[in-house]
mmCIF file of all heavy atoms, coordinates in Angstrom:
data_MODEL
# 
_entry.id   MODEL 
# 
loop_
_atom_site.group_PDB 
_atom_site.id 
_atom_site.type_symbol 
_atom_site.label_atom_id 
_atom_site.label_alt_id 
_atom_site.label_comp_id 
_atom_site.label_asym_id 
_atom_site.label_entity_id 
_atom_site.label_seq_id 
_atom_site.pdbx_PDB_ins_code 
_atom_site.Cartn_x 
_atom_site.Cartn_y 
_atom_site.Cartn_z 
_atom_site.occupancy 
_atom_site.B_iso_or_equiv 
_atom_site.pdbx_formal_charge 
_atom_site.auth_seq_id 
_atom_site.auth_comp_id 
_atom_site.auth_asym_id 
_atom_site.auth_atom_id 
_atom_site.pdbx_PDB_model_num 
ATOM 1   N N   . ILE A 1 1  ? -39.073 -50.978 85.551  1.00 0.00 ? 1  ILE A N   1 
ATOM 2   C CA  . ILE A 1 1  ? -38.975 -51.196 84.110  1.00 0.00 ? 1  ILE A CA  1 
ATOM 3   C C   . ILE A 1 1  ? -38.670 -52.670 83.886  1.00 0.00 ? 1  ILE A C   1 
ATOM 4   O O   . ILE A 1 1  ? -37.738 -53.222 84.478  1.00 0.00 ? 1  ILE A O   1 
ATOM 5   C CB  . ILE A 1 1  ? -37.881 -50.330 83.469  1.00 0.00 ? 1  ILE A CB  1 
ATOM 6   C CG1 . ILE A 1 1  ? -38.190 -48.845 83.682  1.00 0.00 ? 1  ILE A CG1 1 
ATOM 7   C CG2 . ILE A 1 1  ? -37.773 -50.623 81.973  1.00 0.00 ? 1  ILE A CG2 1 
ATOM 8   C CD1 . ILE A 1 1  ? -37.130 -47.906 83.117  1.00 0.00 ? 1  ILE A CD1 1 
ATOM 9   N N   . LEU A 1 2  ? -39.471 -53.318 83.045  1.00 0.00 ? 2  LEU A N   1 
ATOM 10  C CA  . LEU A 1 2  ? -39.289 -54.726 82.711  1.00 0.00 ? 2  LEU A CA  1 
ATOM 11  C C   . LEU A 1 2  ? -39.043 -54.869 81.210  1.00 0.00 ? 2  LEU A C   1 
ATOM 12  O O   . LEU A 1 2  ? -39.522 -54.061 80.416  1.00 0.00 ? 2  LEU A O   1 
ATOM 13  C CB  . LEU A 1 2  ? -40.526 -55.544 83.103  1.00 0.00 ? 2  LEU A CB  1 
ATOM 14  C CG  . LEU A 1 2  ? -40.949 -55.547 84.570  1.00 0.00 ? 2  LEU A CG  1 
ATOM 15  C CD1 . LEU A 1 2  ? -42.235 -56.346 84.746  1.00 0.00 ? 2  LEU A CD1 1 
ATOM 16  C CD2 . LEU A 1 2  ? -39.849 -56.099 85.465  1.00 0.00 ? 2  LEU A CD2 1 
ATOM 17  N N   . HIS A 1 3  ? -38.330 -55.946 80.848  1.00 0.00 ? 3  HIS A N   1 
ATOM 18  C CA  . HIS A 1 3  ? -38.071 -56.223 79.434  1.00 0.00 ? 3  HIS A CA  1 
ATOM 19  C C   . HIS A 1 3  ? -38.308 -57.707 79.143  1.00 0.00 ? 3  HIS A C   1 
ATOM 20  O O   . HIS A 1 3  ? -37.892 -58.582 79.915  1.00 0.00 ? 3  HIS A O   1 
ATOM 21  C CB  . HIS A 1 3  ? -36.638 -55.860 79.058  1.00 0.00 ? 3  HIS A CB  1 
ATOM 22  C CG  . HIS A 1 3  ? -36.334 -56.067 77.610  1.00 0.00 ? 3  HIS A CG  1 
ATOM 23  N ND1 . HIS A 1 3  ? -35.630 -57.163 77.135  1.00 0.00 ? 3  HIS A ND1 1 
ATOM 24  C CD2 . HIS A 1 3  ? -36.659 -55.325 76.515  1.00 0.00 ? 3  HIS A CD2 1 
ATOM 25  C CE1 . HIS A 1 3  ? -35.541 -57.077 75.815  1.00 0.00 ? 3  HIS A CE1 1 
ATOM 26  N NE2 . HIS A 1 3  ? -36.146 -55.976 75.413  1.00 0.00 ? 3  HIS A NE2 1 
ATOM 27  N N   . TRP A 1 4  ? -39.005 -57.972 78.048  1.00 0.00 ? 4  TRP A N   1 
ATOM 28  C CA  . TRP A 1 4  ? -39.262 -59.335 77.583  1.00 0.00 ? 4  TRP A CA  1 
ATOM 29  C C   . TRP A 1 4  ? -38.238 -59.669 76.503  1.00 0.00 ? 4  TRP A C   1 
ATOM 30  O O   . TRP A 1 4  ? -38.117 -58.956 75.502  1.00 0.00 ? 4  TRP A O   1 
ATOM 31  C CB  . TRP A 1 4  ? -40.678 -59.445 77.030  1.00 0.00 ? 4  TRP A CB  1 
ATOM 32  C CG  . TRP A 1 4  ? -40.991 -60.727 76.315  1.00 0.00 ? 4  TRP A CG  1 
ATOM 33  C CD1 . TRP A 1 4  ? -41.011 -60.931 74.973  1.00 0.00 ? 4  TRP A CD1 1 
ATOM 34  C CD2 . TRP A 1 4  ? -41.337 -61.979 76.916  1.00 0.00 ? 4  TRP A CD2 1 
ATOM 35  N NE1 . TRP A 1 4  ? -41.354 -62.223 74.695  1.00 0.00 ? 4  TRP A NE1 1 
ATOM 36  C CE2 . TRP A 1 4  ? -41.561 -62.905 75.863  1.00 0.00 ? 4  TRP A CE2 1 
ATOM 37  C CE3 . TRP A 1 4  ? -41.490 -62.414 78.227  1.00 0.00 ? 4  TRP A CE3 1 
ATOM 38  C CZ2 . TRP A 1 4  ? -41.927 -64.218 76.090  1.00 0.00 ? 4  TRP A CZ2 1 
ATOM 39  C CZ3 . TRP A 1 4  ? -41.852 -63.730 78.456  1.00 0.00 ? 4  TRP A CZ3 1 
ATOM 40  C CH2 . TRP A 1 4  ? -42.064 -64.615 77.395  1.00 0.00 ? 4  TRP A CH2 1 
ATOM 41  N N   . ASN A 1 5  ? -37.478 -60.742 76.700  1.00 0.00 ? 5  ASN A N   1 
ATOM 42  C CA  . ASN A 1 5  ? -36.412 -61.103 75.767  1.00 0.00 ? 5  ASN A CA  1 
ATOM 43  C C   . ASN A 1 5  ? -36.793 -62.242 74.834  1.00 0.00 ? 5  ASN A C   1 
ATOM 44  O O   . ASN A 1 5  ? -35.945 -62.812 74.159  1.00 0.00 ? 5  ASN A O   1 
ATOM 45  C CB  . ASN A 1 5  ? -35.147 -61.477 76.537  1.00 0.00 ? 5  ASN A CB  1 
ATOM 46  C CG  . ASN A 1 5  ? -35.368 -62.668 77.468  1.00 0.00 ? 5  ASN A CG  1 
ATOM 47  O OD1 . ASN A 1 5  ? -36.375 -63.367 77.383  1.00 0.00 ? 5  ASN A OD1 1 
ATOM 48  N ND2 . ASN A 1 5  ? -34.414 -62.895 78.363  1.00 0.00 ? 5  ASN A ND2 1 
ATOM 49  N N   . GLY A 1 6  ? -38.076 -62.543 74.782  1.00 0.00 ? 6  GLY A N   1 
ATOM 50  C CA  . GLY A 1 6  ? -38.564 -63.640 73.953  1.00 0.00 ? 6  GLY A CA  1 
ATOM 51  C C   . GLY A 1 6  ? -38.794 -64.900 74.741  1.00 0.00 ? 6  GLY A C   1 
ATOM 52  O O   . GLY A 1 6  ? -39.470 -65.825 74.271  1.00 0.00 ? 6  GLY A O   1 
ATOM 53  N N   . THR A 1 7  ? -38.265 -64.929 75.977  1.00 0.00 ? 7  THR A N   1 
ATOM 54  C CA  . THR A 1 7  ? -38.410 -66.100 76.836  1.00 0.00 ? 7  THR A CA  1 
ATOM 55  C C   . THR A 1 7  ? -39.017 -65.765 78.187  1.00 0.00 ? 7  THR A C   1 
ATOM 56  O O   . THR A 1 7  ? -39.866 -66.495 78.695  1.00 0.00 ? 7  THR A O   1 
ATOM 57  C CB  . THR A 1 7  ? -37.037 -66.773 77.068  1.00 0.00 ? 7  THR A CB  1 
ATOM 58  O OG1 . THR A 1 7  ? -36.455 -67.108 75.803  1.00 0.00 ? 7  THR A OG1 1 
ATOM 59  C CG2 . THR A 1 7  ? -37.188 -68.027 77.909  1.00 0.00 ? 7  THR A CG2 1 
ATOM 60  N N   . ALA A 1 8  ? -38.588 -64.648 78.780  1.00 0.00 ? 8  ALA A N   1 
ATOM 61  C CA  . ALA A 1 8  ? -39.057 -64.299 80.119  1.00 0.00 ? 8  ALA A CA  1 
ATOM 62  C C   . ALA A 1 8  ? -38.978 -62.784 80.314  1.00 0.00 ? 8  ALA A C   1 
ATOM 63  O O   . ALA A 1 8  ? -38.259 -62.071 79.607  1.00 0.00 ? 8  ALA A O   1 
ATOM 64  C CB  . ALA A 1 8  ? -38.213 -65.007 81.174  1.00 0.00 ? 8  ALA A CB  1 
ATOM 65  N N   . TRP A 1 9  ? -39.750 -62.291 81.318  1.00 0.00 ? 9  TRP A N   1 
ATOM 66  C CA  . TRP A 1 9  ? -39.685 -60.904 81.715  1.00 0.00 ? 9  TRP A CA  1 
ATOM 67  C C   . TRP A 1 9  ? -38.561 -60.726 82.722  1.00 0.00 ? 9  TRP A C   1 
ATOM 68  O O   . TRP A 1 9  ? -38.466 -61.465 83.706  1.00 0.00 ? 9  TRP A O   1 
ATOM 69  C CB  . TRP A 1 9  ? -41.005 -60.449 82.325  1.00 0.00 ? 9  TRP A CB  1 
ATOM 70  C CG  . TRP A 1 9  ? -42.090 -60.254 81.316  1.00 0.00 ? 9  TRP A CG  1 
ATOM 71  C CD1 . TRP A 1 9  ? -43.071 -61.139 80.978  1.00 0.00 ? 9  TRP A CD1 1 
ATOM 72  C CD2 . TRP A 1 9  ? -42.303 -59.096 80.506  1.00 0.00 ? 9  TRP A CD2 1 
ATOM 73  N NE1 . TRP A 1 9  ? -43.877 -60.610 80.002  1.00 0.00 ? 9  TRP A NE1 1 
ATOM 74  C CE2 . TRP A 1 9  ? -43.434 -59.357 79.695  1.00 0.00 ? 9  TRP A CE2 1 
ATOM 75  C CE3 . TRP A 1 9  ? -41.656 -57.869 80.397  1.00 0.00 ? 9  TRP A CE3 1 
ATOM 76  C CZ2 . TRP A 1 9  ? -43.932 -58.421 78.789  1.00 0.00 ? 9  TRP A CZ2 1 
ATOM 77  C CZ3 . TRP A 1 9  ? -42.138 -56.935 79.489  1.00 0.00 ? 9  TRP A CZ3 1 
ATOM 78  C CH2 . TRP A 1 9  ? -43.260 -57.211 78.692  1.00 0.00 ? 9  TRP A CH2 1 
ATOM 79  N N   . LYS A 1 10 ? -37.685 -59.745 82.504  1.00 0.00 ? 10 LYS A N   1 
ATOM 80  C CA  . LYS A 1 10 ? -36.571 -59.458 83.386  1.00 0.00 ? 10 LYS A CA  1 
ATOM 81  C C   . LYS A 1 10 ? -36.638 -58.008 83.857  1.00 0.00 ? 10 LYS A C   1 
ATOM 82  O O   . LYS A 1 10 ? -37.003 -57.108 83.099  1.00 0.00 ? 10 LYS A O   1 
ATOM 83  C CB  . LYS A 1 10 ? -35.235 -59.691 82.677  1.00 0.00 ? 10 LYS A CB  1 
ATOM 84  C CG  . LYS A 1 10 ? -35.050 -61.105 82.127  1.00 0.00 ? 10 LYS A CG  1 
ATOM 85  C CD  . LYS A 1 10 ? -34.909 -62.130 83.250  1.00 0.00 ? 10 LYS A CD  1 
ATOM 86  C CE  . LYS A 1 10 ? -34.604 -63.517 82.685  1.00 0.00 ? 10 LYS A CE  1 
ATOM 87  N NZ  . LYS A 1 10 ? -34.460 -64.527 83.770  1.00 0.00 ? 10 LYS A NZ  1 
ATOM 88  N N   . ARG A 1 11 ? -36.254 -57.788 85.095  1.00 0.00 ? 11 ARG A N   1 
ATOM 89  C CA  . ARG A 1 11 ? -36.207 -56.438 85.646  1.00 0.00 ? 11 ARG A CA  1 
ATOM 90  C C   . ARG A 1 11 ? -34.967 -55.712 85.123  1.00 0.00 ? 11 ARG A C   1 
ATOM 91  O O   . ARG A 1 11 ? -33.876 -56.285 85.055  1.00 0.00 ? 11 ARG A O   1 
ATOM 92  C CB  . ARG A 1 11 ? -36.172 -56.515 87.170  1.00 0.00 ? 11 ARG A CB  1 
ATOM 93  C CG  . ARG A 1 11 ? -36.338 -55.179 87.869  1.00 0.00 ? 11 ARG A CG  1 
ATOM 94  C CD  . ARG A 1 11 ? -36.358 -55.397 89.364  1.00 0.00 ? 11 ARG A CD  1 
ATOM 95  N NE  . ARG A 1 11 ? -36.368 -54.142 90.097  1.00 0.00 ? 11 ARG A NE  1 
ATOM 96  C CZ  . ARG A 1 11 ? -36.199 -54.052 91.412  1.00 0.00 ? 11 ARG A CZ  1 
ATOM 97  N NH1 . ARG A 1 11 ? -36.023 -55.163 92.136  1.00 0.00 ? 11 ARG A NH1 1 
ATOM 98  N NH2 . ARG A 1 11 ? -36.216 -52.882 92.009  1.00 0.00 ? 11 ARG A NH2 1 
ATOM 99  N N   . VAL A 1 12 ? -35.146 -54.442 84.744  1.00 0.00 ? 12 VAL A N   1 
ATOM 100 C CA  . VAL A 1 12 ? -34.063 -53.628 84.205  1.00 0.00 ? 12 VAL A CA  1 
ATOM 101 C C   . VAL A 1 12 ? -33.731 -52.525 85.202  1.00 0.00 ? 12 VAL A C   1 
ATOM 102 O O   . VAL A 1 12 ? -34.617 -51.939 85.823  1.00 0.00 ? 12 VAL A O   1 
ATOM 103 C CB  . VAL A 1 12 ? -34.464 -53.015 82.847  1.00 0.00 ? 12 VAL A CB  1 
ATOM 104 C CG1 . VAL A 1 12 ? -33.350 -52.134 82.290  1.00 0.00 ? 12 VAL A CG1 1 
ATOM 105 C CG2 . VAL A 1 12 ? -34.816 -54.123 81.860  1.00 0.00 ? 12 VAL A CG2 1 
ATOM 106 N N   . THR A 1 13 ? -32.455 -52.216 85.342  1.00 0.00 ? 13 THR A N   1 
ATOM 107 C CA  . THR A 1 13 ? -32.012 -51.211 86.301  1.00 0.00 ? 13 THR A CA  1 
ATOM 108 C C   . THR A 1 13 ? -32.577 -49.831 85.971  1.00 0.00 ? 13 THR A C   1 
ATOM 109 O O   . THR A 1 13 ? -32.515 -49.369 84.834  1.00 0.00 ? 13 THR A O   1 
ATOM 110 C CB  . THR A 1 13 ? -30.479 -51.125 86.330  1.00 0.00 ? 13 THR A CB  1 
ATOM 111 O OG1 . THR A 1 13 ? -29.956 -52.403 86.686  1.00 0.00 ? 13 THR A OG1 1 
ATOM 112 C CG2 . THR A 1 13 ? -30.007 -50.084 87.325  1.00 0.00 ? 13 THR A CG2 1 
ATOM 113 N N   . VAL A 1 14 ? -33.135 -49.187 87.014  1.00 0.00 ? 14 VAL A N   1 
ATOM 114 C CA  . VAL A 1 14 ? -33.652 -47.825 86.905  1.00 0.00 ? 14 VAL A CA  1 
ATOM 115 C C   . VAL A 1 14 ? -32.681 -46.905 87.626  1.00 0.00 ? 14 VAL A C   1 
ATOM 116 O O   . VAL A 1 14 ? -32.186 -47.244 88.702  1.00 0.00 ? 14 VAL A O   1 
ATOM 117 C CB  . VAL A 1 14 ? -35.056 -47.724 87.535  1.00 0.00 ? 14 VAL A CB  1 
ATOM 118 C CG1 . VAL A 1 14 ? -35.572 -46.296 87.479  1.00 0.00 ? 14 VAL A CG1 1 
ATOM 119 C CG2 . VAL A 1 14 ? -36.020 -48.670 86.835  1.00 0.00 ? 14 VAL A CG2 1 
ATOM 120 N N   . PRO A 1 15 ? -32.383 -45.724 87.091  1.00 0.00 ? 15 PRO A N   1 
ATOM 121 C CA  . PRO A 1 15 ? -31.442 -44.822 87.763  1.00 0.00 ? 15 PRO A CA  1 
ATOM 122 C C   . PRO A 1 15 ? -31.931 -44.423 89.151  1.00 0.00 ? 15 PRO A C   1 
ATOM 123 O O   . PRO A 1 15 ? -33.138 -44.319 89.392  1.00 0.00 ? 15 PRO A O   1 
ATOM 124 C CB  . PRO A 1 15 ? -31.362 -43.618 86.828  1.00 0.00 ? 15 PRO A CB  1 
ATOM 125 C CG  . PRO A 1 15 ? -32.594 -43.695 85.982  1.00 0.00 ? 15 PRO A CG  1 
ATOM 126 C CD  . PRO A 1 15 ? -32.876 -45.154 85.832  1.00 0.00 ? 15 PRO A CD  1 
ATOM 127 N N   . ALA A 1 16 ? -31.004 -44.225 90.083  1.00 0.00 ? 16 ALA A N   1 
ATOM 128 C CA  . ALA A 1 16 ? -31.351 -43.803 91.434  1.00 0.00 ? 16 ALA A CA  1 
ATOM 129 C C   . ALA A 1 16 ? -32.060 -42.454 91.380  1.00 0.00 ? 16 ALA A C   1 
ATOM 130 O O   . ALA A 1 16 ? -31.593 -41.513 90.743  1.00 0.00 ? 16 ALA A O   1 
ATOM 131 C CB  . ALA A 1 16 ? -30.088 -43.710 92.286  1.00 0.00 ? 16 ALA A CB  1 
ATOM 132 N N   . LEU A 1 17 ? -33.208 -42.363 92.076  1.00 0.00 ? 17 LEU A N   1 
ATOM 133 C CA  . LEU A 1 17 ? -34.028 -41.162 91.974  1.00 0.00 ? 17 LEU A CA  1 
ATOM 134 C C   . LEU A 1 17 ? -34.292 -40.488 93.314  1.00 0.00 ? 17 LEU A C   1 
ATOM 135 O O   . LEU A 1 17 ? -34.847 -39.402 93.358  1.00 0.00 ? 17 LEU A O   1 
ATOM 136 C CB  . LEU A 1 17 ? -35.373 -41.511 91.315  1.00 0.00 ? 17 LEU A CB  1 
ATOM 137 C CG  . LEU A 1 17 ? -35.284 -42.065 89.889  1.00 0.00 ? 17 LEU A CG  1 
ATOM 138 C CD1 . LEU A 1 17 ? -36.646 -42.542 89.426  1.00 0.00 ? 17 LEU A CD1 1 
ATOM 139 C CD2 . LEU A 1 17 ? -34.733 -41.018 88.932  1.00 0.00 ? 17 LEU A CD2 1 
ATOM 140 N N   . GLY A 1 18 ? -33.950 -41.111 94.431  1.00 0.00 ? 18 GLY A N   1 
ATOM 141 C CA  . GLY A 1 18 ? -34.245 -40.528 95.728  1.00 0.00 ? 18 GLY A CA  1 
ATOM 142 C C   . GLY A 1 18 ? -35.175 -41.408 96.524  1.00 0.00 ? 18 GLY A C   1 
ATOM 143 O O   . GLY A 1 18 ? -35.396 -42.572 96.194  1.00 0.00 ? 18 GLY A O   1 
ATOM 144 N N   . THR A 1 19 ? -35.749 -40.851 97.582  1.00 0.00 ? 19 THR A N   1 
ATOM 145 C CA  . THR A 1 19 ? -36.554 -41.649 98.510  1.00 0.00 ? 19 THR A CA  1 
ATOM 146 C C   . THR A 1 19 ? -38.051 -41.468 98.359  1.00 0.00 ? 19 THR A C   1 
ATOM 147 O O   . THR A 1 19 ? -38.822 -42.220 98.934  1.00 0.00 ? 19 THR A O   1 
ATOM 148 C CB  . THR A 1 19 ? -36.158 -41.304 99.952  1.00 0.00 ? 19 THR A CB  1 
ATOM 149 O OG1 . THR A 1 19 ? -36.363 -39.894 100.172 1.00 0.00 ? 19 THR A OG1 1 
ATOM 150 C CG2 . THR A 1 19 ? -34.707 -41.652 100.218 1.00 0.00 ? 19 THR A CG2 1 
ATOM 151 N N   . ASP A 1 20 ? -38.514 -40.439 97.632  1.00 0.00 ? 20 ASP A N   1 
ATOM 152 C CA  . ASP A 1 20 ? -39.953 -40.236 97.450  1.00 0.00 ? 20 ASP A CA  1 
ATOM 153 C C   . ASP A 1 20 ? -40.545 -41.321 96.571  1.00 0.00 ? 20 ASP A C   1 
ATOM 154 O O   . ASP A 1 20 ? -39.842 -42.032 95.853  1.00 0.00 ? 20 ASP A O   1 
ATOM 155 C CB  . ASP A 1 20 ? -40.234 -38.866 96.818  1.00 0.00 ? 20 ASP A CB  1 
ATOM 156 C CG  . ASP A 1 20 ? -39.958 -37.718 97.782  1.00 0.00 ? 20 ASP A CG  1 
ATOM 157 O OD1 . ASP A 1 20 ? -40.139 -37.938 98.989  1.00 0.00 ? 20 ASP A OD1 1 
ATOM 158 O OD2 . ASP A 1 20 ? -39.558 -36.650 97.317  1.00 0.00 ? 20 ASP A OD2 1 
ATOM 159 N N   . GLY A 1 21 ? -41.864 -41.461 96.611  1.00 0.00 ? 21 GLY A N   1 
ATOM 160 C CA  . GLY A 1 21 ? -42.526 -42.447 95.777  1.00 0.00 ? 21 GLY A CA  1 
ATOM 161 C C   . GLY A 1 21 ? -42.513 -42.042 94.310  1.00 0.00 ? 21 GLY A C   1 
ATOM 162 O O   . GLY A 1 21 ? -42.723 -40.871 93.970  1.00 0.00 ? 21 GLY A O   1 
ATOM 163 N N   . TYR A 1 22 ? -42.241 -42.997 93.448  1.00 0.00 ? 22 TYR A N   1 
ATOM 164 C CA  . TYR A 1 22 ? -42.161 -42.732 92.008  1.00 0.00 ? 22 TYR A CA  1 
ATOM 165 C C   . TYR A 1 22 ? -43.063 -43.703 91.262  1.00 0.00 ? 22 TYR A C   1 
ATOM 166 O O   . TYR A 1 22 ? -43.227 -44.851 91.665  1.00 0.00 ? 22 TYR A O   1 
ATOM 167 C CB  . TYR A 1 22 ? -40.727 -42.896 91.499  1.00 0.00 ? 22 TYR A CB  1 
ATOM 168 C CG  . TYR A 1 22 ? -39.744 -41.934 92.103  1.00 0.00 ? 22 TYR A CG  1 
ATOM 169 C CD1 . TYR A 1 22 ? -39.161 -42.182 93.343  1.00 0.00 ? 22 TYR A CD1 1 
ATOM 170 C CD2 . TYR A 1 22 ? -39.394 -40.766 91.432  1.00 0.00 ? 22 TYR A CD2 1 
ATOM 171 C CE1 . TYR A 1 22 ? -38.250 -41.295 93.892  1.00 0.00 ? 22 TYR A CE1 1 
ATOM 172 C CE2 . TYR A 1 22 ? -38.485 -39.870 91.978  1.00 0.00 ? 22 TYR A CE2 1 
ATOM 173 C CZ  . TYR A 1 22 ? -37.912 -40.140 93.217  1.00 0.00 ? 22 TYR A CZ  1 
ATOM 174 O OH  . TYR A 1 22 ? -37.018 -39.254 93.757  1.00 0.00 ? 22 TYR A OH  1 
ATOM 175 N N   . ASP A 1 23 ? -43.598 -43.236 90.138  1.00 0.00 ? 23 ASP A N   1 
ATOM 176 C CA  . ASP A 1 23 ? -44.488 -44.076 89.352  1.00 0.00 ? 23 ASP A CA  1 
ATOM 177 C C   . ASP A 1 23 ? -44.255 -43.792 87.875  1.00 0.00 ? 23 ASP A C   1 
ATOM 178 O O   . ASP A 1 23 ? -44.370 -42.650 87.435  1.00 0.00 ? 23 ASP A O   1 
ATOM 179 C CB  . ASP A 1 23 ? -45.943 -43.771 89.719  1.00 0.00 ? 23 ASP A CB  1 
ATOM 180 C CG  . ASP A 1 23 ? -46.918 -44.773 89.127  1.00 0.00 ? 23 ASP A CG  1 
ATOM 181 O OD1 . ASP A 1 23 ? -46.468 -45.731 88.483  1.00 0.00 ? 23 ASP A OD1 1 
ATOM 182 O OD2 . ASP A 1 23 ? -48.130 -44.584 89.317  1.00 0.00 ? 23 ASP A OD2 1 
ATOM 183 N N   . LEU A 1 24 ? -43.903 -44.837 87.115  1.00 0.00 ? 24 LEU A N   1 
ATOM 184 C CA  . LEU A 1 24 ? -43.793 -44.702 85.668  1.00 0.00 ? 24 LEU A CA  1 
ATOM 185 C C   . LEU A 1 24 ? -45.126 -45.095 85.046  1.00 0.00 ? 24 LEU A C   1 
ATOM 186 O O   . LEU A 1 24 ? -45.644 -46.177 85.302  1.00 0.00 ? 24 LEU A O   1 
ATOM 187 C CB  . LEU A 1 24 ? -42.658 -45.571 85.124  1.00 0.00 ? 24 LEU A CB  1 
ATOM 188 C CG  . LEU A 1 24 ? -41.252 -45.094 85.489  1.00 0.00 ? 24 LEU A CG  1 
ATOM 189 C CD1 . LEU A 1 24 ? -40.218 -46.129 85.069  1.00 0.00 ? 24 LEU A CD1 1 
ATOM 190 C CD2 . LEU A 1 24 ? -40.960 -43.740 84.844  1.00 0.00 ? 24 LEU A CD2 1 
ATOM 191 N N   . LEU A 1 25 ? -45.657 -44.220 84.218  1.00 0.00 ? 25 LEU A N   1 
ATOM 192 C CA  . LEU A 1 25 ? -47.005 -44.391 83.704  1.00 0.00 ? 25 LEU A CA  1 
ATOM 193 C C   . LEU A 1 25 ? -47.076 -44.693 82.220  1.00 0.00 ? 25 LEU A C   1 
ATOM 194 O O   . LEU A 1 25 ? -48.088 -45.187 81.743  1.00 0.00 ? 25 LEU A O   1 
ATOM 195 C CB  . LEU A 1 25 ? -47.820 -43.127 83.989  1.00 0.00 ? 25 LEU A CB  1 
ATOM 196 C CG  . LEU A 1 25 ? -48.016 -42.832 85.473  1.00 0.00 ? 25 LEU A CG  1 
ATOM 197 C CD1 . LEU A 1 25 ? -48.532 -41.431 85.667  1.00 0.00 ? 25 LEU A CD1 1 
ATOM 198 C CD2 . LEU A 1 25 ? -48.957 -43.839 86.081  1.00 0.00 ? 25 LEU A CD2 1 
ATOM 199 N N   . GLY A 1 26 ? -46.048 -44.379 81.485  1.00 0.00 ? 26 GLY A N   1 
ATOM 200 C CA  . GLY A 1 26 ? -46.126 -44.618 80.049  1.00 0.00 ? 26 GLY A CA  1 
ATOM 201 C C   . GLY A 1 26 ? -44.761 -44.640 79.409  1.00 0.00 ? 26 GLY A C   1 
ATOM 202 O O   . GLY A 1 26 ? -43.757 -44.241 80.009  1.00 0.00 ? 26 GLY A O   1 
ATOM 203 N N   . LEU A 1 27 ? -44.708 -45.130 78.179  1.00 0.00 ? 27 LEU A N   1 
ATOM 204 C CA  . LEU A 1 27 ? -43.462 -45.163 77.441  1.00 0.00 ? 27 LEU A CA  1 
ATOM 205 C C   . LEU A 1 27 ? -43.726 -45.223 75.951  1.00 0.00 ? 27 LEU A C   1 
ATOM 206 O O   . LEU A 1 27 ? -44.841 -45.502 75.512  1.00 0.00 ? 27 LEU A O   1 
ATOM 207 C CB  . LEU A 1 27 ? -42.595 -46.360 77.850  1.00 0.00 ? 27 LEU A CB  1 
ATOM 208 C CG  . LEU A 1 27 ? -42.994 -47.749 77.337  1.00 0.00 ? 27 LEU A CG  1 
ATOM 209 C CD1 . LEU A 1 27 ? -41.808 -48.694 77.372  1.00 0.00 ? 27 LEU A CD1 1 
ATOM 210 C CD2 . LEU A 1 27 ? -44.129 -48.325 78.190  1.00 0.00 ? 27 LEU A CD2 1 
ATOM 211 N N   . THR A 1 28 ? -42.692 -44.953 75.181  1.00 0.00 ? 28 THR A N   1 
ATOM 212 C CA  . THR A 1 28 ? -42.757 -45.107 73.745  1.00 0.00 ? 28 THR A CA  1 
ATOM 213 C C   . THR A 1 28 ? -41.402 -45.554 73.232  1.00 0.00 ? 28 THR A C   1 
ATOM 214 O O   . THR A 1 28 ? -40.368 -45.294 73.851  1.00 0.00 ? 28 THR A O   1 
ATOM 215 C CB  . THR A 1 28 ? -43.172 -43.797 73.048  1.00 0.00 ? 28 THR A CB  1 
ATOM 216 O OG1 . THR A 1 28 ? -43.556 -44.074 71.702  1.00 0.00 ? 28 THR A OG1 1 
ATOM 217 C CG2 . THR A 1 28 ? -42.058 -42.787 73.039  1.00 0.00 ? 28 THR A CG2 1 
# 
């Protein structure tokens, strides 16, 4: 998850989910 603050893109903490592969595909 990334966030643009008007100046740069920053990485945002994602909750711990385990060891399997994960993919976020959409948001609103």
